[in-house]
Amino acid sequence: MNLFSSKLHHGNTVLPIVSHVAMIVVAVAATACYSFRGGSVPDHLKTISIASTVDRSGFGNPTYREVSTETLLRRFRTDNSLQVIEENGDARLSPVIVRIKDQILNVSDADREGQRKIVVALEVEFFDAVKNKQVWKQTFERFGVYDAANASTERDEAVREAIRQIADDVLLQLVTDW
């Protein structure tokens, strides 16, 4: 009897058990092999230095540089793919805020602004100091949404959210690009 046939006969009852079990085993095995990260950092890279973010956006809020630097540092420290050190890491990240753009997202009754969208673009260079070569340089862009009526308090949080998303994107790019 063929164990991988689509039907297993048992008396007068046709039972497609074996084929279903085989499909489930294959599906479970395939999912177990899948990794969200899709890759890992090469063995020769153990440490990373993250430079202070430079702000070339012209937006006029100097705290966003600090928010960017601290968010990237925190994200890489919690991930542990590479040990974060202050200087002379095996790898280096150099982030630059190239654009911050504040836009109307929607208009409410009486032509009043309802929500605004603030777009942050961060250009990041990833440099392999061991092999002395640039691995990639890429601009990551994300946005946060805030209520126009509470712009003074919510704009900064929207920028922070966009930068958190960018930090996740940078980390994902770094660990999957091998």
N, C-alpha and C. Protein backbone atom coordinates (compact mmCIF):
# COMPACT_ATOMS: atom_id res chain seq x y z
N MET A 1 0.85 -1.17 0.00
CA MET A 1 0.00 0.00 0.00
C MET A 1 0.90 1.23 0.00
N ASN A 2 0.56 2.22 -0.79
CA ASN A 2 1.32 3.45 -0.90
C ASN A 2 0.89 4.41 0.21
N LEU A 3 1.82 4.76 1.09
CA LEU A 3 1.49 5.62 2.23
C LEU A 3 1.18 7.05 1.80
N PHE A 4 1.64 7.48 0.64
CA PHE A 4 1.43 8.86 0.21
C PHE A 4 0.33 8.99 -0.82
N SER A 5 -0.49 7.98 -0.91
CA SER A 5 -1.62 8.09 -1.82
C SER A 5 -2.64 9.04 -1.22
N SER A 6 -3.47 9.60 -2.07
CA SER A 6 -4.42 10.59 -1.57
C SER A 6 -5.56 9.95 -0.80
N LYS A 7 -5.72 8.64 -0.89
CA LYS A 7 -6.81 8.00 -0.16
C LYS A 7 -6.32 6.69 0.44
N LEU A 8 -6.74 6.43 1.63
CA LEU A 8 -6.43 5.21 2.32
C LEU A 8 -7.74 4.47 2.53
N HIS A 9 -7.82 3.26 2.03
CA HIS A 9 -9.06 2.51 2.13
C HIS A 9 -9.09 1.73 3.43
N HIS A 10 -10.19 1.84 4.13
CA HIS A 10 -10.41 1.09 5.34
C HIS A 10 -11.83 0.56 5.28
N GLY A 11 -11.92 -0.68 4.86
CA GLY A 11 -13.25 -1.24 4.67
C GLY A 11 -13.93 -0.52 3.52
N ASN A 12 -15.16 -0.09 3.73
CA ASN A 12 -15.89 0.65 2.71
C ASN A 12 -15.69 2.15 2.81
N THR A 13 -14.94 2.64 3.82
CA THR A 13 -14.76 4.07 4.04
C THR A 13 -13.46 4.53 3.40
N VAL A 14 -13.55 5.62 2.69
CA VAL A 14 -12.36 6.20 2.08
C VAL A 14 -11.87 7.33 3.00
N LEU A 15 -10.64 7.20 3.48
CA LEU A 15 -10.08 8.18 4.41
C LEU A 15 -8.84 8.84 3.80
N PRO A 16 -8.92 10.11 3.53
CA PRO A 16 -7.74 10.81 2.98
C PRO A 16 -6.77 11.26 4.08
N ILE A 17 -6.60 10.42 5.09
CA ILE A 17 -5.82 10.80 6.27
C ILE A 17 -4.34 10.99 5.95
N VAL A 18 -3.76 10.04 5.27
CA VAL A 18 -2.31 10.09 5.06
C VAL A 18 -1.92 11.34 4.27
N SER A 19 -2.67 11.67 3.23
CA SER A 19 -2.31 12.84 2.43
C SER A 19 -2.47 14.12 3.24
N HIS A 20 -3.50 14.18 4.09
CA HIS A 20 -3.69 15.37 4.92
C HIS A 20 -2.57 15.50 5.95
N VAL A 21 -2.21 14.38 6.56
CA VAL A 21 -1.13 14.40 7.55
C VAL A 21 0.17 14.82 6.88
N ALA A 22 0.43 14.29 5.70
CA ALA A 22 1.65 14.65 4.98
C ALA A 22 1.67 16.15 4.66
N MET A 23 0.55 16.70 4.23
CA MET A 23 0.49 18.13 3.92
C MET A 23 0.71 18.97 5.17
N ILE A 24 0.16 18.55 6.29
CA ILE A 24 0.34 19.28 7.54
C ILE A 24 1.80 19.24 7.98
N VAL A 25 2.43 18.07 7.87
CA VAL A 25 3.83 17.93 8.26
C VAL A 25 4.71 18.84 7.40
N VAL A 26 4.47 18.85 6.11
CA VAL A 26 5.24 19.72 5.20
C VAL A 26 5.01 21.19 5.54
N ALA A 27 3.77 21.57 5.81
CA ALA A 27 3.47 22.97 6.15
C ALA A 27 4.15 23.38 7.45
N VAL A 28 4.10 22.52 8.46
CA VAL A 28 4.74 22.83 9.74
C VAL A 28 6.25 22.91 9.57
N ALA A 29 6.82 21.99 8.82
CA ALA A 29 8.27 22.02 8.59
C ALA A 29 8.69 23.28 7.85
N ALA A 30 7.91 23.69 6.87
CA ALA A 30 8.23 24.90 6.12
C ALA A 30 8.15 26.14 7.00
N THR A 31 7.18 26.19 7.88
CA THR A 31 7.05 27.36 8.76
C THR A 31 8.15 27.37 9.80
N ALA A 32 8.56 26.23 10.27
CA ALA A 32 9.60 26.16 11.28
C ALA A 32 10.93 26.65 10.71
N CYS A 33 11.15 26.50 9.43
CA CYS A 33 12.40 26.93 8.80
C CYS A 33 12.42 28.42 8.52
N TYR A 34 11.29 29.07 8.53
CA TYR A 34 11.21 30.48 8.19
C TYR A 34 11.67 31.34 9.35
N SER A 35 12.47 32.34 9.06
CA SER A 35 12.92 33.28 10.07
C SER A 35 12.51 34.67 9.65
N PHE A 36 11.93 35.46 10.56
CA PHE A 36 11.50 36.81 10.24
C PHE A 36 12.69 37.65 9.80
N ARG A 37 13.82 37.45 10.43
CA ARG A 37 14.98 38.26 10.12
C ARG A 37 15.56 37.90 8.77
N GLY A 38 15.39 36.67 8.33
CA GLY A 38 15.80 36.31 6.99
C GLY A 38 17.31 36.18 6.83
N GLY A 39 18.07 36.54 7.79
CA GLY A 39 19.51 36.46 7.69
C GLY A 39 20.13 36.88 9.00
N SER A 40 21.42 36.99 8.99
CA SER A 40 22.10 37.45 10.19
C SER A 40 23.33 38.23 9.77
N VAL A 41 23.90 38.90 10.70
CA VAL A 41 25.08 39.70 10.46
C VAL A 41 26.26 38.74 10.27
N PRO A 42 27.18 39.05 9.35
CA PRO A 42 28.34 38.17 9.15
C PRO A 42 29.16 37.99 10.43
N ASP A 43 29.82 36.86 10.53
CA ASP A 43 30.57 36.52 11.74
C ASP A 43 31.69 37.50 12.06
N HIS A 44 32.24 38.17 11.05
CA HIS A 44 33.36 39.08 11.32
C HIS A 44 32.92 40.40 11.96
N LEU A 45 31.61 40.64 12.02
CA LEU A 45 31.09 41.86 12.64
C LEU A 45 30.52 41.52 14.01
N LYS A 46 31.14 42.06 15.04
CA LYS A 46 30.69 41.81 16.42
C LYS A 46 30.16 43.08 17.08
N THR A 47 30.68 44.24 16.67
CA THR A 47 30.32 45.50 17.32
C THR A 47 29.86 46.52 16.28
N ILE A 48 29.12 47.51 16.75
CA ILE A 48 28.66 48.59 15.88
C ILE A 48 28.75 49.91 16.63
N SER A 49 29.17 50.94 15.91
CA SER A 49 29.16 52.30 16.43
C SER A 49 28.12 53.08 15.64
N ILE A 50 27.32 53.84 16.35
CA ILE A 50 26.28 54.64 15.69
C ILE A 50 26.63 56.11 15.92
N ALA A 51 26.92 56.79 14.83
CA ALA A 51 27.30 58.20 14.90
C ALA A 51 26.10 59.05 15.31
N SER A 52 26.37 60.20 15.87
CA SER A 52 25.30 61.15 16.17
C SER A 52 24.64 61.57 14.86
N THR A 53 23.33 61.63 14.88
CA THR A 53 22.59 62.00 13.68
C THR A 53 22.86 63.45 13.32
N VAL A 54 23.08 63.68 12.05
CA VAL A 54 23.25 65.02 11.50
C VAL A 54 21.88 65.43 10.94
N ASP A 55 21.50 66.69 11.14
CA ASP A 55 20.21 67.17 10.64
C ASP A 55 20.44 68.16 9.50
N ARG A 56 20.12 67.74 8.29
CA ARG A 56 20.22 68.61 7.12
C ARG A 56 18.83 68.94 6.56
N SER A 57 17.81 68.74 7.39
CA SER A 57 16.43 68.91 6.92
C SER A 57 16.02 70.37 6.82
N GLY A 58 16.63 71.22 7.63
CA GLY A 58 16.22 72.62 7.66
C GLY A 58 14.90 72.83 8.38
N PHE A 59 14.40 71.82 9.07
CA PHE A 59 13.10 71.93 9.74
C PHE A 59 13.16 72.85 10.95
N GLY A 60 14.30 72.90 11.59
CA GLY A 60 14.46 73.87 12.67
C GLY A 60 14.24 73.37 14.08
N ASN A 61 14.15 72.07 14.28
CA ASN A 61 14.01 71.55 15.63
C ASN A 61 15.23 70.67 15.95
N PRO A 62 16.19 71.20 16.69
CA PRO A 62 17.43 70.46 16.94
C PRO A 62 17.25 69.21 17.79
N THR A 63 16.14 69.08 18.49
CA THR A 63 15.95 67.89 19.33
C THR A 63 15.73 66.63 18.50
N TYR A 64 15.32 66.77 17.25
CA TYR A 64 15.07 65.58 16.42
C TYR A 64 16.35 64.81 16.13
N ARG A 65 17.49 65.51 16.08
CA ARG A 65 18.79 64.83 15.91
C ARG A 65 19.01 63.88 17.07
N GLU A 66 18.78 64.41 18.28
CA GLU A 66 18.99 63.61 19.48
C GLU A 66 18.00 62.45 19.56
N VAL A 67 16.76 62.73 19.19
CA VAL A 67 15.73 61.67 19.20
C VAL A 67 16.15 60.55 18.25
N SER A 68 16.63 60.91 17.08
CA SER A 68 17.05 59.91 16.10
C SER A 68 18.21 59.07 16.63
N THR A 69 19.24 59.73 17.14
CA THR A 69 20.41 59.01 17.65
C THR A 69 20.02 58.07 18.78
N GLU A 70 19.28 58.59 19.76
CA GLU A 70 18.89 57.77 20.91
C GLU A 70 17.98 56.60 20.51
N THR A 71 17.08 56.83 19.56
CA THR A 71 16.18 55.77 19.12
C THR A 71 16.95 54.66 18.42
N LEU A 72 17.89 55.02 17.56
CA LEU A 72 18.72 54.01 16.90
C LEU A 72 19.55 53.23 17.92
N LEU A 73 20.18 53.94 18.84
CA LEU A 73 20.98 53.26 19.87
C LEU A 73 20.12 52.28 20.68
N ARG A 74 18.96 52.73 21.12
CA ARG A 74 18.06 51.88 21.91
C ARG A 74 17.62 50.66 21.11
N ARG A 75 17.27 50.86 19.85
CA ARG A 75 16.79 49.75 19.02
C ARG A 75 17.87 48.69 18.82
N PHE A 76 19.10 49.13 18.55
CA PHE A 76 20.19 48.17 18.34
C PHE A 76 20.62 47.50 19.64
N ARG A 77 20.54 48.21 20.74
CA ARG A 77 20.88 47.59 22.03
C ARG A 77 19.88 46.51 22.41
N THR A 78 18.60 46.75 22.14
CA THR A 78 17.60 45.74 22.50
C THR A 78 17.63 44.54 21.56
N ASP A 79 18.09 44.73 20.35
CA ASP A 79 18.14 43.61 19.39
C ASP A 79 19.30 42.65 19.67
N ASN A 80 20.45 43.18 20.02
CA ASN A 80 21.64 42.37 20.32
C ASN A 80 22.24 41.65 19.12
N SER A 81 21.93 42.06 17.89
CA SER A 81 22.61 41.46 16.74
C SER A 81 24.08 41.83 16.76
N LEU A 82 24.36 43.05 17.16
CA LEU A 82 25.72 43.55 17.30
C LEU A 82 25.81 44.29 18.64
N GLN A 83 26.97 44.23 19.26
CA GLN A 83 27.17 44.97 20.51
C GLN A 83 27.41 46.44 20.14
N VAL A 84 26.65 47.33 20.74
CA VAL A 84 26.78 48.76 20.47
C VAL A 84 27.91 49.31 21.34
N ILE A 85 28.90 49.93 20.67
CA ILE A 85 29.99 50.60 21.38
C ILE A 85 30.10 52.03 20.86
N GLU A 86 30.76 52.89 21.62
CA GLU A 86 30.80 54.31 21.26
C GLU A 86 31.62 54.60 20.02
N GLU A 87 32.81 54.03 19.92
CA GLU A 87 33.70 54.33 18.81
C GLU A 87 34.36 53.07 18.28
N ASN A 88 34.81 53.16 17.04
CA ASN A 88 35.62 52.11 16.40
C ASN A 88 34.96 50.73 16.39
N GLY A 89 33.67 50.69 16.10
CA GLY A 89 32.99 49.41 15.96
C GLY A 89 33.42 48.70 14.69
N ASP A 90 33.19 47.39 14.65
CA ASP A 90 33.46 46.63 13.43
C ASP A 90 32.60 47.15 12.28
N ALA A 91 31.44 47.69 12.64
CA ALA A 91 30.52 48.29 11.66
C ALA A 91 30.14 49.67 12.18
N ARG A 92 29.74 50.56 11.25
CA ARG A 92 29.33 51.90 11.64
C ARG A 92 28.07 52.30 10.91
N LEU A 93 27.18 52.95 11.64
CA LEU A 93 26.00 53.57 11.04
C LEU A 93 26.17 55.07 11.12
N SER A 94 25.90 55.74 10.01
CA SER A 94 25.97 57.20 9.97
C SER A 94 24.63 57.72 9.48
N PRO A 95 23.77 58.22 10.40
CA PRO A 95 22.44 58.70 10.01
C PRO A 95 22.40 60.22 9.77
N VAL A 96 21.63 60.61 8.76
CA VAL A 96 21.44 62.02 8.44
C VAL A 96 19.95 62.25 8.18
N ILE A 97 19.34 63.19 8.92
CA ILE A 97 17.96 63.57 8.62
C ILE A 97 18.02 64.46 7.38
N VAL A 98 17.48 63.97 6.29
CA VAL A 98 17.54 64.74 5.04
C VAL A 98 16.26 65.52 4.77
N ARG A 99 15.17 65.11 5.42
CA ARG A 99 13.91 65.81 5.16
C ARG A 99 12.92 65.57 6.29
N ILE A 100 12.25 66.65 6.68
CA ILE A 100 11.08 66.57 7.54
C ILE A 100 10.05 67.46 6.89
N LYS A 101 8.94 66.88 6.54
CA LYS A 101 7.91 67.62 5.81
C LYS A 101 6.58 67.48 6.55
N ASP A 102 5.99 68.60 6.89
CA ASP A 102 4.72 68.64 7.60
C ASP A 102 3.62 68.97 6.60
N GLN A 103 2.59 68.11 6.50
CA GLN A 103 1.55 68.27 5.49
C GLN A 103 0.16 68.11 6.08
N ILE A 104 -0.80 68.71 5.42
CA ILE A 104 -2.20 68.49 5.80
C ILE A 104 -2.59 67.10 5.34
N LEU A 105 -3.20 66.35 6.23
CA LEU A 105 -3.66 65.01 5.88
C LEU A 105 -5.13 65.03 5.51
N ASN A 106 -5.93 65.75 6.31
CA ASN A 106 -7.35 65.87 5.98
C ASN A 106 -7.90 67.18 6.54
N VAL A 107 -9.02 67.57 6.00
CA VAL A 107 -9.67 68.82 6.40
C VAL A 107 -11.03 68.46 6.99
N SER A 108 -11.35 69.08 8.12
CA SER A 108 -12.63 68.82 8.76
C SER A 108 -13.65 69.86 8.31
N ASP A 109 -14.75 69.90 8.99
CA ASP A 109 -15.81 70.87 8.68
C ASP A 109 -15.27 72.30 8.71
N ALA A 110 -15.87 73.16 7.95
CA ALA A 110 -15.54 74.59 7.90
C ALA A 110 -14.10 74.82 7.45
N ASP A 111 -13.61 73.94 6.60
CA ASP A 111 -12.26 74.07 6.04
C ASP A 111 -11.16 74.19 7.08
N ARG A 112 -11.32 73.53 8.20
CA ARG A 112 -10.29 73.50 9.23
C ARG A 112 -9.44 72.26 9.04
N GLU A 113 -8.17 72.41 9.35
CA GLU A 113 -7.30 71.24 9.28
C GLU A 113 -7.74 70.24 10.34
N GLY A 114 -7.83 68.99 9.94
CA GLY A 114 -8.18 67.94 10.90
C GLY A 114 -6.93 67.28 11.44
N GLN A 115 -6.26 66.55 10.57
CA GLN A 115 -5.02 65.87 10.95
C GLN A 115 -3.91 66.31 10.03
N ARG A 116 -2.69 66.21 10.55
CA ARG A 116 -1.50 66.50 9.77
C ARG A 116 -0.61 65.27 9.75
N LYS A 117 0.18 65.20 8.73
CA LYS A 117 1.12 64.09 8.57
C LYS A 117 2.51 64.71 8.51
N ILE A 118 3.41 64.20 9.33
CA ILE A 118 4.78 64.69 9.30
C ILE A 118 5.67 63.54 8.83
N VAL A 119 6.36 63.79 7.72
CA VAL A 119 7.19 62.78 7.06
C VAL A 119 8.65 63.03 7.43
N VAL A 120 9.32 61.98 7.85
CA VAL A 120 10.74 62.06 8.21
C VAL A 120 11.51 61.15 7.26
N ALA A 121 12.57 61.68 6.66
CA ALA A 121 13.44 60.89 5.80
C ALA A 121 14.84 60.88 6.42
N LEU A 122 15.35 59.68 6.67
CA LEU A 122 16.65 59.50 7.30
C LEU A 122 17.54 58.71 6.35
N GLU A 123 18.61 59.34 5.91
CA GLU A 123 19.59 58.65 5.07
C GLU A 123 20.61 57.99 5.99
N VAL A 124 20.85 56.70 5.78
CA VAL A 124 21.75 55.96 6.66
C VAL A 124 22.80 55.24 5.81
N GLU A 125 24.04 55.42 6.21
CA GLU A 125 25.13 54.66 5.59
C GLU A 125 25.55 53.56 6.55
N PHE A 126 25.66 52.35 6.03
CA PHE A 126 26.15 51.22 6.82
C PHE A 126 27.52 50.86 6.27
N PHE A 127 28.54 50.97 7.13
CA PHE A 127 29.92 50.78 6.72
C PHE A 127 30.53 49.62 7.48
N ASP A 128 31.16 48.70 6.76
CA ASP A 128 31.88 47.57 7.34
C ASP A 128 33.32 48.02 7.54
N ALA A 129 33.71 48.31 8.78
CA ALA A 129 35.05 48.82 9.06
C ALA A 129 36.11 47.72 8.99
N VAL A 130 35.72 46.47 9.17
CA VAL A 130 36.67 45.37 9.07
C VAL A 130 37.14 45.20 7.63
N LYS A 131 36.20 45.23 6.70
CA LYS A 131 36.54 45.09 5.27
C LYS A 131 36.73 46.44 4.60
N ASN A 132 36.58 47.51 5.37
CA ASN A 132 36.76 48.87 4.89
C ASN A 132 35.95 49.17 3.63
N LYS A 133 34.62 48.90 3.71
CA LYS A 133 33.77 49.17 2.55
C LYS A 133 32.35 49.54 2.99
N GLN A 134 31.74 50.38 2.19
CA GLN A 134 30.35 50.74 2.42
C GLN A 134 29.49 49.57 1.97
N VAL A 135 28.64 49.08 2.87
CA VAL A 135 27.76 47.96 2.53
C VAL A 135 26.52 48.49 1.82
N TRP A 136 25.92 49.55 2.37
CA TRP A 136 24.80 50.20 1.71
C TRP A 136 24.62 51.61 2.25
N LYS A 137 23.94 52.40 1.45
CA LYS A 137 23.52 53.74 1.84
C LYS A 137 22.11 53.89 1.32
N GLN A 138 21.19 54.16 2.23
CA GLN A 138 19.77 54.13 1.85
C GLN A 138 19.01 55.20 2.62
N THR A 139 17.98 55.74 1.98
CA THR A 139 17.11 56.69 2.65
C THR A 139 15.84 55.97 3.07
N PHE A 140 15.53 56.06 4.35
CA PHE A 140 14.34 55.45 4.94
C PHE A 140 13.35 56.57 5.23
N GLU A 141 12.10 56.36 4.85
CA GLU A 141 11.10 57.41 5.04
C GLU A 141 9.86 56.82 5.69
N ARG A 142 9.42 57.47 6.76
CA ARG A 142 8.20 57.08 7.46
C ARG A 142 7.47 58.34 7.90
N PHE A 143 6.25 58.17 8.38
CA PHE A 143 5.50 59.34 8.82
C PHE A 143 4.73 59.04 10.09
N GLY A 144 4.36 60.12 10.76
CA GLY A 144 3.49 60.06 11.92
C GLY A 144 2.33 61.00 11.68
N VAL A 145 1.20 60.71 12.29
CA VAL A 145 -0.01 61.53 12.12
C VAL A 145 -0.35 62.15 13.46
N TYR A 146 -0.78 63.41 13.41
CA TYR A 146 -1.19 64.08 14.64
C TYR A 146 -2.37 65.00 14.37
N ASP A 147 -3.06 65.33 15.43
CA ASP A 147 -4.23 66.19 15.39
C ASP A 147 -3.77 67.64 15.26
N ALA A 148 -4.25 68.35 14.26
CA ALA A 148 -3.84 69.73 14.04
C ALA A 148 -4.23 70.64 15.21
N ALA A 149 -5.32 70.32 15.88
CA ALA A 149 -5.77 71.13 17.01
C ALA A 149 -4.80 71.05 18.18
N ASN A 150 -4.04 69.98 18.25
CA ASN A 150 -3.07 69.79 19.34
C ASN A 150 -1.64 69.73 18.80
N ALA A 151 -1.38 70.48 17.76
CA ALA A 151 -0.09 70.42 17.07
C ALA A 151 1.09 70.63 18.00
N SER A 152 0.99 71.56 18.91
CA SER A 152 2.13 71.87 19.76
C SER A 152 2.55 70.68 20.63
N THR A 153 1.63 69.84 21.02
CA THR A 153 1.98 68.69 21.86
C THR A 153 2.12 67.39 21.07
N GLU A 154 1.39 67.23 20.00
CA GLU A 154 1.36 65.96 19.28
C GLU A 154 2.38 65.84 18.14
N ARG A 155 2.86 66.97 17.61
CA ARG A 155 3.81 66.92 16.49
C ARG A 155 5.08 66.16 16.88
N ASP A 156 5.63 66.48 18.04
CA ASP A 156 6.86 65.81 18.46
C ASP A 156 6.66 64.31 18.61
N GLU A 157 5.53 63.89 19.14
CA GLU A 157 5.27 62.45 19.27
C GLU A 157 5.12 61.80 17.91
N ALA A 158 4.54 62.49 16.94
CA ALA A 158 4.41 61.94 15.58
C ALA A 158 5.80 61.77 14.95
N VAL A 159 6.70 62.72 15.19
CA VAL A 159 8.07 62.60 14.68
C VAL A 159 8.76 61.43 15.36
N ARG A 160 8.58 61.30 16.66
CA ARG A 160 9.19 60.18 17.39
C ARG A 160 8.70 58.83 16.86
N GLU A 161 7.41 58.75 16.55
CA GLU A 161 6.85 57.51 16.00
C GLU A 161 7.46 57.20 14.63
N ALA A 162 7.59 58.21 13.80
CA ALA A 162 8.21 58.00 12.47
C ALA A 162 9.65 57.52 12.63
N ILE A 163 10.38 58.11 13.56
CA ILE A 163 11.78 57.72 13.78
C ILE A 163 11.86 56.31 14.36
N ARG A 164 10.94 55.92 15.23
CA ARG A 164 10.92 54.54 15.75
C ARG A 164 10.72 53.54 14.61
N GLN A 165 9.83 53.86 13.70
CA GLN A 165 9.59 52.98 12.55
C GLN A 165 10.83 52.91 11.66
N ILE A 166 11.48 54.03 11.47
CA ILE A 166 12.71 54.05 10.67
C ILE A 166 13.79 53.21 11.34
N ALA A 167 13.94 53.32 12.66
CA ALA A 167 14.94 52.52 13.37
C ALA A 167 14.69 51.02 13.16
N ASP A 168 13.43 50.61 13.19
CA ASP A 168 13.09 49.21 12.91
C ASP A 168 13.48 48.84 11.48
N ASP A 169 13.20 49.73 10.53
CA ASP A 169 13.55 49.48 9.12
C ASP A 169 15.06 49.36 8.92
N VAL A 170 15.81 50.22 9.59
CA VAL A 170 17.28 50.20 9.48
C VAL A 170 17.82 48.88 10.02
N LEU A 171 17.35 48.48 11.18
CA LEU A 171 17.79 47.22 11.75
C LEU A 171 17.45 46.05 10.85
N LEU A 172 16.24 46.02 10.34
CA LEU A 172 15.83 44.94 9.45
C LEU A 172 16.69 44.91 8.19
N GLN A 173 16.97 46.07 7.62
CA GLN A 173 17.84 46.14 6.43
C GLN A 173 19.22 45.61 6.75
N LEU A 174 19.74 45.97 7.92
CA LEU A 174 21.08 45.55 8.29
C LEU A 174 21.18 44.05 8.46
N VAL A 175 20.22 43.43 9.11
CA VAL A 175 20.34 41.99 9.39
C VAL A 175 19.89 41.11 8.21
N THR A 176 19.18 41.66 7.26
CA THR A 176 18.71 40.82 6.14
C THR A 176 19.49 41.04 4.85
N ASP A 177 20.42 41.93 4.85
CA ASP A 177 21.12 42.27 3.61
C ASP A 177 22.38 41.44 3.40
N TRP A 178 22.41 40.22 3.90
CA TRP A 178 23.62 39.42 3.75
C TRP A 178 23.35 38.19 2.93
